[in-house]
C-alpha cells in the first residue's frame, strides 16, 4: 500500500513534545519527572545544609549574648555572615521551587488549551484527537511498549480527569464545595495571575490544579526509595515486572508519601507580585485553598468512595489498561478496560456513578483503537469481507458501539472521508460478529489479509478473522494523521 511519506504532522509533534515535557530521559533533564528525580536526590542533602546553616546562625546569636567588647564585634560580624548565607540559601531554594511551579503550571495551561474548545462538542472533539493521537503514536508490538506507555500515561490520565469532571458536574454528581463555588462563579474579577492571564475561577482554581494533581500523582515513584524497589539496589531489575505483595505495598506507600511531599514542598504555593494589600491577602488565601484542593485530590484518590478523588482514581484505572506497562500487554484486549473498571467498582475502589460516567464518555474502545468490522451493501446486507476503521469520537451511543473513521473501503486504503458507528453484531472484536465470517473460505480470508497488510509474508500467521488491527503503521504516514476533521457518518 502506498501511503505517502512517514512523518509526524505539526499536531502529532506538539503532542509528542508535551509527552517529553512531562516524562523523558535526556541529558538536560528538564522534564517534570526528571526534575522530580533530581529534587528527591538533592532534597536530603539540601535539608542537611539548611539545618547546618540555621544552627550556625543560632549559635552565633547565643554567643553574641554572652560576649562583650571587641569579641562582641567579631561575633556580630560572624553572625551577619551566617544569616546572609542562610538567607541566600533559602532564597535560592525558593527560586528553584517557584521555577518548578511556574514550569508545571505553564505545561498545564498548554494541555488545557489543546483540549478545551468553544463548546461541549468542540471540547470533546479536541479531547478525542489528543487521546487518539497519544494511542496512535504508541507502539502496540515489540519491546518498547512499557517504556513508551510509561511516558504517555500521565498526559492521557490528566485529560481524562478533565472530561470526567465535566460529566460529573453536568450530572450533578460533584458535591465538593470548593469545586462548585468556582464552577458557579463568573470570570468578572480582573486579578491577574502568573503569566498575565485574567483570572478565571473554574479554569485557574479547578481545571489547572486537577491537571497538576493528575501529573504528580505518581511522581513519588522517582524517589530513590521507590527506585530501589522498582529497579533493585544495583538497578539491575526490570522496573516493569510484577511486584510481589510486600514490594507492591511498599511502593504504593512510598509513592503516596513522596508525591504529597513533592506537591506541598517542591511545588507549593505561587508568589504574589504586586502592591495591593487586599489583593495580596486574597491571592495568598486562594493559593492556600488551591493547594488544599490538590492535596485532597491526592489523598482521596487512594480510596475515593463517593468523593472527589474519583476524578483521579478512575482515569488512573482506565489508563493503566489502555497504556499498560505490564509485560503481558496485549493490544487486542484493551477493550476489556470496561470489565476492569467494573471489577474496581465491585471491590469498592471507586464510585459506580463516576465509573459509569467515564464509560459514557469513552466507551470500552479507546480513542485510536483499530476496529475490524463487516461492512454492509446499499441494501443493508452484510458483505463477505471485513474492513478497517479507527475509533475517533467520544460519547459513543453505547459503550460497546464505537464511533470511528473508516480507513479502508473495498479493501483499499484511503484518506478517510467517511465515519461509521460500528454495532456489536458487525464488530469483529465480538464473537457473534466473527461467527458471521466463519462460512467464508480460508482462501478468501487470506486474499483479504493480503490486500490489507503491508507485508503478507511477515504477517501470514495473523488470525484470518482478526478481532482488531494495529493502526500505528498507518498513522505513521503524515497524510493519515488528520482523522478528526468532519465526516459523513453511517451506521454499520
Protein backbone atom coordinates (compact mmCIF):
# COMPACT_ATOMS: atom_id res chain seq x y z
CA UNK A 1 0.00 0.00 0.00
CA UNK A 2 1.35 3.41 -0.95
CA UNK A 3 0.55 5.76 1.91
CA UNK A 4 3.00 8.55 1.15
CA UNK A 5 5.69 9.87 3.48
CA UNK A 6 6.40 8.66 7.01
CA UNK A 7 6.45 11.79 9.18
CA UNK A 8 4.65 13.50 12.04
CA UNK A 9 2.11 16.24 11.43
CA UNK A 10 2.58 19.50 13.35
CA UNK A 11 -0.15 18.36 15.76
CA UNK A 12 1.49 14.97 16.35
CA UNK A 13 4.78 16.77 17.02
CA UNK A 14 3.03 19.03 19.54
CA UNK A 15 1.59 16.02 21.38
CA UNK A 16 4.96 14.28 21.37
CA UNK A 17 6.55 17.43 22.74
CA UNK A 18 4.01 17.56 25.58
CA UNK A 19 4.78 13.96 26.49
CA UNK A 20 8.51 14.72 26.56
CA UNK A 21 7.92 17.79 28.76
CA UNK A 22 6.22 15.53 31.29
CA UNK A 23 8.37 12.38 31.23
CA UNK A 24 11.59 11.83 29.35
CA UNK A 25 15.20 10.72 29.71
CA UNK A 26 17.52 13.47 28.43
CA UNK A 27 20.93 14.98 29.09
CA UNK A 28 19.44 18.34 30.09
CA UNK A 29 16.94 16.68 32.48
CA UNK A 30 14.25 19.31 32.06
CA UNK A 31 11.07 17.19 32.02
CA UNK A 32 8.72 17.21 35.01
CA UNK A 33 9.66 13.69 36.11
CA UNK A 34 13.40 14.23 35.60
CA UNK A 35 13.21 17.39 37.72
CA UNK A 36 11.43 15.41 40.41
CA UNK A 37 14.16 12.76 40.37
CA UNK A 38 16.83 15.46 40.85
CA UNK A 39 14.79 17.09 43.61
CA UNK A 40 14.38 13.85 45.53
CA UNK A 41 18.08 13.03 45.18
CA UNK A 42 19.15 16.51 46.38
CA UNK A 43 16.40 17.11 48.97
CA UNK A 44 18.08 15.30 51.85
CA UNK A 45 21.44 16.98 51.22
CA UNK A 46 19.78 20.39 50.91
CA UNK A 47 17.90 19.83 54.16
CA UNK A 48 21.15 18.97 55.94
CA UNK A 49 22.85 22.09 54.56
CA UNK A 50 19.90 24.26 55.54
CA UNK A 51 19.81 22.80 59.06
CA UNK A 52 23.56 23.35 59.43
CA UNK A 53 23.23 26.98 58.31
CA UNK A 54 20.33 27.56 60.74
CA UNK A 55 22.31 26.02 63.59
CA UNK A 56 25.33 28.15 62.78
CA UNK A 57 23.25 31.34 62.86
CA UNK A 58 21.58 30.21 66.10
CA UNK A 59 24.94 29.52 67.80
CA UNK A 60 26.29 32.95 66.88
CA UNK A 61 23.11 34.59 68.25
CA UNK A 62 23.63 32.71 71.52
CA UNK A 63 27.30 33.61 71.63
CA UNK A 64 26.53 37.28 70.94
CA UNK A 65 24.50 37.45 74.14
CA UNK A 66 27.39 36.02 76.11
CA UNK A 67 30.22 38.26 74.81
CA UNK A 68 31.19 41.92 75.14
CA UNK A 69 33.74 44.42 73.94
CA UNK A 70 35.96 43.63 70.97
CA UNK A 71 34.84 39.98 70.90
CA UNK A 72 31.24 41.08 70.53
CA UNK A 73 32.02 42.94 67.28
CA UNK A 74 33.72 39.86 65.86
CA UNK A 75 30.83 37.60 66.81
CA UNK A 76 28.34 40.10 65.39
CA UNK A 77 30.26 40.10 62.13
CA UNK A 78 30.25 36.30 62.04
CA UNK A 79 26.51 36.28 62.81
CA UNK A 80 25.76 38.67 59.97
CA UNK A 81 27.69 36.45 57.58
CA UNK A 82 25.89 33.32 58.83
CA UNK A 83 22.50 34.99 58.46
CA UNK A 84 23.44 36.21 54.99
CA UNK A 85 24.45 32.66 53.99
CA UNK A 86 21.21 31.27 55.38
CA UNK A 87 19.12 33.93 53.62
CA UNK A 88 20.94 33.34 50.34
CA UNK A 89 20.43 29.60 50.63
CA UNK A 90 16.72 29.98 51.42
CA UNK A 91 16.24 32.44 48.59
CA UNK A 92 17.97 30.08 46.15
CA UNK A 93 15.77 27.17 47.19
CA UNK A 94 12.67 29.36 46.96
CA UNK A 95 13.59 30.49 43.44
CA UNK A 96 14.07 26.86 42.38
CA UNK A 97 10.68 25.94 43.85
CA UNK A 98 8.92 28.79 42.07
CA UNK A 99 10.63 27.90 38.80
CA UNK A 100 9.39 24.30 39.09
CA UNK A 101 5.87 25.50 39.90
CA UNK A 102 5.80 28.02 37.04
CA UNK A 103 7.06 25.45 34.56
CA UNK A 104 4.42 22.92 35.64
CA UNK A 105 1.61 25.48 35.52
CA UNK A 106 2.58 26.58 32.00
CA UNK A 107 2.62 22.94 30.95
CA UNK A 108 -0.88 22.50 32.39
CA UNK A 109 -2.20 25.59 30.59
CA UNK A 110 -0.79 24.22 27.32
CA UNK A 111 -2.58 20.92 27.90
CA UNK A 112 -5.85 22.67 28.73
CA UNK A 113 -5.66 24.88 25.64
CA UNK A 114 -5.24 21.80 23.44
CA UNK A 115 -8.39 20.10 24.73
CA UNK A 116 -10.71 22.96 25.67
CA UNK A 117 -12.99 24.09 22.85
CA UNK A 118 -15.63 26.78 22.38
CA UNK A 119 -18.46 24.45 23.37
CA UNK A 120 -19.15 20.94 24.65
CA UNK A 121 -18.91 19.23 21.24
CA UNK A 122 -15.75 21.09 20.22
CA UNK A 123 -14.13 20.24 23.55
CA UNK A 124 -14.89 16.55 23.11
CA UNK A 125 -13.59 16.57 19.54
CA UNK A 126 -10.30 18.15 20.65
CA UNK A 127 -10.05 15.67 23.51
CA UNK A 128 -10.69 12.69 21.23
CA UNK A 129 -7.97 13.99 18.92
CA UNK A 130 -5.40 14.26 21.72
CA UNK A 131 -6.22 10.89 23.30
CA UNK A 132 -6.33 9.20 19.89
CA UNK A 133 -3.02 10.73 18.86
CA UNK A 134 -1.35 9.50 22.06
CA UNK A 135 -2.64 5.98 21.39
CA UNK A 136 -1.66 6.04 17.71
CA UNK A 137 1.84 7.31 18.47
CA UNK A 138 2.30 4.50 20.99
CA UNK A 139 3.81 1.17 19.89
CA UNK A 140 1.45 -1.81 20.11
CA UNK A 141 4.04 -4.50 19.40
CA UNK A 142 7.70 -5.01 20.27
CA UNK A 143 9.91 -4.45 23.30
CA UNK A 144 9.38 -0.71 23.78
CA UNK A 145 5.68 -0.75 24.75
CA UNK A 146 6.08 -0.41 28.52
CA UNK A 147 8.66 2.40 28.37
CA UNK A 148 6.65 4.35 25.81
CA UNK A 149 3.39 3.96 27.74
CA UNK A 150 5.17 5.00 30.95
CA UNK A 151 5.92 8.35 29.31
CA UNK A 152 2.46 8.88 27.82
CA UNK A 153 0.13 7.75 30.58
CA UNK A 154 0.37 10.91 32.74
CA UNK A 155 -0.90 13.20 29.98
CA UNK A 156 -3.61 10.72 29.00
CA UNK A 157 -4.85 10.39 32.59
CA UNK A 158 -4.89 14.16 33.15
CA UNK A 159 -7.06 14.77 30.08
CA UNK A 160 -9.48 12.00 31.07
CA UNK A 161 -9.76 13.58 34.53
CA UNK A 162 -10.82 16.89 32.94
CA UNK A 163 -13.54 15.27 30.88
CA UNK A 164 -14.77 13.21 33.84
CA UNK A 165 -15.05 16.44 35.84
CA UNK A 166 -17.20 17.94 33.05
CA UNK A 167 -19.53 14.95 33.00
CA UNK A 168 -19.95 14.72 36.77
CA UNK A 169 -20.69 18.44 37.02
CA UNK A 170 -23.33 18.17 34.27
CA UNK A 171 -24.87 15.18 36.06
CA UNK A 172 -24.91 16.95 39.43
CA UNK A 173 -22.60 14.32 40.91
CA UNK A 174 -19.99 16.74 42.30
CA UNK A 175 -20.62 17.74 45.92
CA UNK A 176 -17.22 19.29 46.73
CA UNK A 177 -17.94 22.87 47.84
CA UNK A 178 -14.60 24.22 46.57
CA UNK A 179 -15.28 22.97 43.03
CA UNK A 180 -18.93 24.01 42.99
CA UNK A 181 -18.14 27.54 44.18
CA UNK A 182 -15.63 28.10 41.34
CA UNK A 183 -17.91 26.41 38.82
CA UNK A 184 -20.74 28.76 39.67
CA UNK A 185 -18.63 31.94 39.75
CA UNK A 186 -18.19 34.06 36.64
CA UNK A 187 -14.85 35.44 35.43
CA UNK A 188 -15.64 39.10 36.11
CA UNK A 189 -12.73 39.56 38.52
CA UNK A 190 -9.75 41.09 36.82
CA UNK A 191 -6.98 40.00 39.17
CA UNK A 192 -4.05 38.81 37.05
CA UNK A 193 -2.33 35.52 37.73
CA UNK A 194 1.18 34.45 36.80
CA UNK A 195 1.68 34.70 33.05
CA UNK A 196 -0.55 37.75 32.63
CA UNK A 197 -3.81 35.82 32.23
CA UNK A 198 -7.01 37.32 33.54
CA UNK A 199 -8.36 35.30 36.44
CA UNK A 200 -11.00 32.67 35.65
CA UNK A 201 -12.08 30.83 38.82
CA UNK A 202 -13.01 27.48 37.30
CA UNK A 203 -10.06 27.29 34.94
CA UNK A 204 -7.38 28.58 37.31
CA UNK A 205 -8.59 27.11 40.60
CA UNK A 206 -10.12 23.79 39.47
CA UNK A 207 -9.07 22.67 35.99
CA UNK A 208 -5.37 23.60 36.23
CA UNK A 209 -4.97 22.15 39.77
CA UNK A 210 -6.73 18.97 38.61
CA UNK A 211 -4.25 18.58 35.75
CA UNK A 212 -1.37 19.29 38.13
CA UNK A 213 -2.60 16.70 40.62
CA UNK A 214 -3.00 14.11 37.87
CA UNK A 215 0.53 14.74 36.59
CA UNK A 216 2.16 14.44 40.03
CA UNK A 217 0.01 11.56 41.32
CA UNK A 218 2.78 9.04 40.56
CA UNK A 219 5.77 11.36 40.79
CA UNK A 220 6.79 9.80 44.10
CA UNK A 221 8.00 6.81 42.08
CA UNK A 222 11.03 8.96 41.21
CA UNK A 223 12.15 8.96 44.85
CA UNK A 224 15.31 6.89 45.48
CA UNK A 225 13.41 4.59 47.88
CA UNK A 226 10.83 3.85 45.18
CA UNK A 227 13.51 3.41 42.55
CA UNK A 228 15.25 0.84 44.74
CA UNK A 229 12.01 -1.14 44.97
CA UNK A 230 11.41 -0.91 41.22
CA UNK A 231 14.94 -1.39 39.92
CA UNK A 232 16.79 -3.05 42.79
CA UNK A 233 19.75 -1.77 44.80
CA UNK A 234 22.08 -2.05 41.79
CA UNK A 235 19.49 -1.03 39.18
CA UNK A 236 19.51 -4.45 37.52
CA UNK A 237 15.82 -5.36 37.95
CA UNK A 238 13.12 -4.76 35.34
CA UNK A 239 11.05 -1.87 36.71
CA UNK A 240 8.01 -3.13 34.78
CA UNK A 241 7.98 -6.58 36.37
CA UNK A 242 5.07 -7.68 38.57
CA UNK A 243 5.96 -6.74 42.16
CA UNK A 244 5.36 -9.23 44.95
CA UNK A 245 2.88 -8.08 47.58
CA UNK A 246 5.36 -6.63 50.14
CA UNK A 247 7.13 -4.74 47.35
CA UNK A 248 3.83 -3.50 45.97
CA UNK A 249 2.62 -2.24 49.35
CA UNK A 250 5.97 -0.52 50.00
CA UNK A 251 5.86 1.01 46.52
CA UNK A 252 2.33 2.38 46.98
CA UNK A 253 3.17 3.83 50.39
CA UNK A 254 6.37 5.46 49.17
CA UNK A 255 4.73 6.89 46.06
CA UNK A 256 1.82 8.32 48.08
CA UNK A 257 4.03 9.90 50.74
CA UNK A 258 6.60 11.34 48.34
CA UNK A 259 4.05 12.57 45.76
CA UNK A 260 2.33 14.57 48.52
CA UNK A 261 5.67 15.87 49.70
CA UNK A 262 6.61 16.91 46.17
CA UNK A 263 3.30 18.72 45.72
CA UNK A 264 3.50 20.62 49.02
CA UNK A 265 7.26 21.22 49.32
CA UNK A 266 8.86 21.03 45.87
CA UNK A 267 5.94 22.94 44.25
CA UNK A 268 3.79 24.56 46.95
CA UNK A 269 2.04 27.91 46.51
CA UNK A 270 2.68 30.64 43.97
CA UNK A 271 4.05 34.07 44.96
CA UNK A 272 2.05 37.29 44.74
CA UNK A 273 3.51 40.05 42.58
CA UNK A 274 2.04 43.49 43.21
CA UNK A 275 1.48 46.22 45.80
CA UNK A 276 -2.15 45.83 46.85
CA UNK A 277 -2.61 44.65 50.43
CA UNK A 278 -6.14 43.40 49.73
CA UNK A 279 -5.12 41.60 46.54
CA UNK A 280 -2.19 40.01 48.34
CA UNK A 281 -4.46 38.72 51.11
CA UNK A 282 -6.94 37.33 48.57
CA UNK A 283 -4.17 35.81 46.46
CA UNK A 284 -2.47 34.07 49.36
CA UNK A 285 -5.77 32.74 50.69
CA UNK A 286 -6.69 31.48 47.21
CA UNK A 287 -3.31 29.80 46.76
CA UNK A 288 -3.72 28.04 50.11
CA UNK A 289 -7.18 26.79 49.10
CA UNK A 290 -5.87 25.64 45.72
CA UNK A 291 -3.03 23.68 47.30
CA UNK A 292 -5.50 22.22 49.77
CA UNK A 293 -7.70 21.10 46.87
CA UNK A 294 -4.80 19.31 45.18
CA UNK A 295 -3.78 17.64 48.44
CA UNK A 296 -7.39 16.50 48.89
CA UNK A 297 -7.41 15.06 45.36
CA UNK A 298 -4.27 13.01 46.02
CA UNK A 299 -5.33 11.84 49.47
CA UNK A 300 -8.89 11.00 48.45
CA UNK A 301 -7.79 9.13 45.31
CA UNK A 302 -6.42 6.27 47.44
CA UNK A 303 -9.93 5.23 48.45
CA UNK A 304 -12.33 7.75 46.93
CA UNK A 305 -15.70 6.07 47.65
CA UNK A 306 -18.11 8.83 46.54
CA UNK A 307 -15.56 11.62 46.91
CA UNK A 308 -13.64 13.97 44.67
CA UNK A 309 -10.73 11.50 44.44
CA UNK A 310 -12.68 9.60 41.76
CA UNK A 311 -11.52 12.30 39.35
CA UNK A 312 -8.04 10.78 39.60
CA UNK A 313 -8.75 7.17 40.55
CA UNK A 314 -11.00 6.16 37.65
CA UNK A 315 -8.86 7.75 34.91
CA UNK A 316 -5.86 6.09 36.59
CA UNK A 317 -7.50 2.65 36.32
CA UNK A 318 -8.59 3.26 32.72
CA UNK A 319 -5.14 4.49 31.68
CA UNK A 320 -3.39 1.58 33.43
CA UNK A 321 -5.16 -0.75 30.98
CA UNK A 322 -5.10 1.33 27.78
CA UNK A 323 -1.46 2.40 28.23
CA UNK A 324 -0.37 -0.61 30.23
CA UNK A 325 3.25 -1.01 31.33
CA UNK A 326 2.79 -4.68 32.19
CA UNK A 327 4.88 -7.33 30.46
CA UNK A 328 1.75 -9.24 29.42
CA UNK A 329 0.42 -6.27 27.40
CA UNK A 330 -1.92 -7.36 24.61
CA UNK A 331 -3.36 -4.76 22.25
CA UNK A 332 -6.40 -6.80 21.32
CA UNK A 333 -7.51 -6.98 24.97
CA UNK A 334 -7.62 -3.19 25.53
CA UNK A 335 -11.45 -3.07 25.21
CA UNK A 336 -11.59 -5.20 28.36
CA UNK A 337 -10.96 -1.92 30.19
CA UNK A 338 -14.71 -1.80 30.88
CA UNK A 339 -14.51 -5.12 32.74
CA UNK A 340 -11.53 -3.89 34.76
CA UNK A 341 -13.42 -0.78 35.83
CA UNK A 342 -16.50 -2.85 36.70
CA UNK A 343 -14.28 -5.05 38.89
CA UNK A 344 -12.83 -1.97 40.59
CA UNK A 345 -16.37 -0.80 41.41
CA UNK A 346 -17.22 -4.25 42.83
CA UNK A 347 -14.15 -4.10 45.08
CA UNK A 348 -15.16 -0.66 46.34
CA UNK A 349 -12.13 1.00 44.77
CA UNK A 350 -14.19 3.75 43.12
CA UNK A 351 -17.69 5.16 42.72
CA UNK A 352 -20.11 3.38 40.39
CA UNK A 353 -21.64 6.68 39.28
CA UNK A 354 -18.23 8.12 38.36
CA UNK A 355 -17.18 4.87 36.65
CA UNK A 356 -20.39 4.83 34.59
CA UNK A 357 -19.77 8.47 33.68
CA UNK A 358 -16.31 7.67 32.30
CA UNK A 359 -17.68 4.73 30.30
CA UNK A 360 -20.32 7.08 28.89
CA UNK A 361 -17.51 9.38 27.73
CA UNK A 362 -15.03 6.84 26.37
CA UNK A 363 -16.86 3.57 25.80
CA UNK A 364 -14.80 0.39 26.01
CA UNK A 365 -12.87 1.05 22.80
CA UNK A 366 -10.06 3.56 23.42
CA UNK A 367 -9.56 6.52 21.11
CA UNK A 368 -7.26 5.50 18.27
CA UNK A 369 -8.07 1.78 18.60
CA UNK A 370 -8.12 -0.25 15.39
CA UNK A 371 -11.58 -1.69 14.68
CA UNK A 372 -12.19 -4.53 12.20
CA UNK A 373 -15.80 -4.68 11.04
CA UNK A 374 -18.10 -6.28 8.48
CA UNK A 375 -19.42 -3.60 6.06
CA UNK A 376 -22.90 -3.53 4.58
CA UNK A 377 -24.05 -3.05 1.00
CA UNK A 378 -26.61 -0.49 -0.19
CA UNK A 379 -29.43 -2.85 0.87
CA UNK A 380 -28.01 -3.02 4.41
CA UNK A 381 -26.87 -6.61 3.92
CA UNK A 382 -23.56 -7.85 5.33
CA UNK A 383 -20.76 -8.23 2.79
CA UNK A 384 -18.38 -11.20 2.70
CA UNK A 385 -15.33 -9.34 3.97
CA UNK A 386 -14.08 -7.08 6.73
CA UNK A 387 -12.64 -3.57 6.63
CA UNK A 388 -10.53 -1.35 8.90
CA UNK A 389 -11.59 1.68 10.95
CA UNK A 390 -10.15 3.74 13.83
CA UNK A 391 -12.06 4.96 16.90
CA UNK A 392 -12.18 8.76 16.67
CA UNK A 393 -15.01 10.05 18.84
CA UNK A 394 -16.02 10.28 22.47
CA UNK A 395 -19.57 9.76 23.70
CA UNK A 396 -20.46 6.67 21.67
CA UNK A 397 -24.20 5.81 21.56
CA UNK A 398 -23.38 2.79 23.77
CA UNK A 399 -20.08 1.83 25.48
CA UNK A 400 -19.83 -1.20 23.14
CA UNK A 401 -20.60 0.75 19.93
CA UNK A 402 -17.60 2.86 18.85
CA UNK A 403 -17.78 5.87 16.55
CA UNK A 404 -14.96 5.53 14.02
CA UNK A 405 -13.32 6.84 10.89
CA UNK A 406 -13.18 4.36 8.01
CA UNK A 407 -9.63 3.61 6.87
CA UNK A 408 -10.30 1.11 4.07
CA UNK A 409 -13.13 0.75 1.55
CA UNK A 410 -13.37 -2.20 -0.79
CA UNK A 411 -10.13 -3.47 0.83
CA UNK A 412 -8.25 -0.38 -0.32
CA UNK A 413 -6.61 2.25 1.90
CA UNK A 414 -7.70 5.84 1.50
CA UNK A 415 -7.52 9.26 3.11
CA UNK A 416 -10.71 8.75 5.01
CA UNK A 417 -13.74 10.95 4.48
CA UNK A 418 -16.34 8.60 5.93
CA UNK A 419 -17.23 7.95 9.53
CA UNK A 420 -19.11 4.98 10.88
CA UNK A 421 -20.80 3.72 14.03
CA UNK A 422 -20.00 0.02 14.38
CA UNK A 423 -22.60 -2.09 16.15
CA UNK A 424 -21.73 -5.17 18.18
CA UNK A 425 -23.06 -7.63 15.59
CA UNK A 426 -20.64 -6.30 12.94
CA UNK A 427 -17.60 -5.55 15.14
CA UNK A 428 -15.12 -8.43 14.94
CA UNK A 429 -14.00 -7.84 18.50
CA UNK A 430 -17.19 -9.65 19.49
CA UNK A 431 -17.68 -13.41 18.92
CA UNK A 432 -21.11 -13.01 17.26
CA UNK A 433 -19.59 -10.86 14.52
CA UNK A 434 -16.64 -13.20 13.94
CA UNK A 435 -19.07 -16.10 13.66
CA UNK A 436 -20.61 -14.44 10.57
CA UNK A 437 -17.31 -14.78 8.69
CA UNK A 438 -16.69 -18.41 9.60
CA UNK A 439 -18.60 -19.51 6.49
CA UNK A 440 -16.06 -17.73 4.25
CA UNK A 441 -13.30 -19.98 2.86
CA UNK A 442 -9.77 -19.65 4.24
CA UNK A 443 -8.58 -18.80 0.71
CA UNK A 444 -10.90 -15.80 0.56
CA UNK A 445 -9.86 -14.68 4.06
CA UNK A 446 -6.18 -14.90 3.05
CA UNK A 447 -6.96 -12.84 -0.03
CA UNK A 448 -8.50 -10.14 2.18
CA UNK A 449 -5.49 -10.22 4.50
CA UNK A 450 -3.06 -9.89 1.59
CA UNK A 451 -4.79 -6.70 0.48
CA UNK A 452 -4.82 -5.13 3.94
CA UNK A 453 -1.36 -5.85 5.36
CA UNK A 454 1.81 -4.21 4.12
CA UNK A 455 3.99 -7.33 4.23
CA UNK A 456 1.97 -10.50 3.91
CA UNK A 457 4.97 -12.85 4.23
CA UNK A 458 5.76 -11.42 7.66
CA UNK A 459 2.12 -11.42 8.71
CA UNK A 460 0.69 -14.52 7.08
CA UNK A 461 0.31 -16.14 10.50
CA UNK A 462 -2.14 -13.46 11.64
CA UNK A 463 -5.68 -14.50 12.53
CA UNK A 464 -7.75 -14.83 9.37
CA UNK A 465 -10.67 -13.28 11.25
CA UNK A 466 -8.92 -10.59 13.34
CA UNK A 467 -10.53 -9.09 16.45
CA UNK A 468 -8.81 -5.78 15.69
CA UNK A 469 -5.94 -4.28 13.68
CA UNK A 470 -2.87 -2.26 14.64
CA UNK A 471 -3.18 1.21 13.07
CA UNK A 472 0.11 2.70 14.28
CA UNK A 473 1.86 1.90 10.99
CA UNK A 474 -0.98 3.52 9.03
CA UNK A 475 -0.85 6.58 11.31
CA UNK A 476 2.92 6.91 10.86
CA UNK A 477 2.25 8.44 7.43
CA UNK A 478 1.69 12.19 7.69
CA UNK A 479 -1.25 12.29 5.33
CA UNK A 480 -3.23 9.88 7.54
CA UNK A 481 -2.95 11.89 10.74
CA UNK A 482 -5.97 14.15 10.28
CA UNK A 483 -8.63 11.67 11.33
CA UNK A 484 -10.74 14.17 13.25
CA UNK A 485 -12.00 16.50 10.53
CA UNK A 486 -15.71 16.43 9.75
CA UNK A 487 -17.00 13.25 8.14
CA UNK A 488 -20.29 11.81 6.91
CA UNK A 489 -21.29 9.13 9.38
CA UNK A 490 -23.12 5.88 8.67
CA UNK A 491 -24.32 3.03 10.87
CA UNK A 492 -22.83 -0.40 10.36
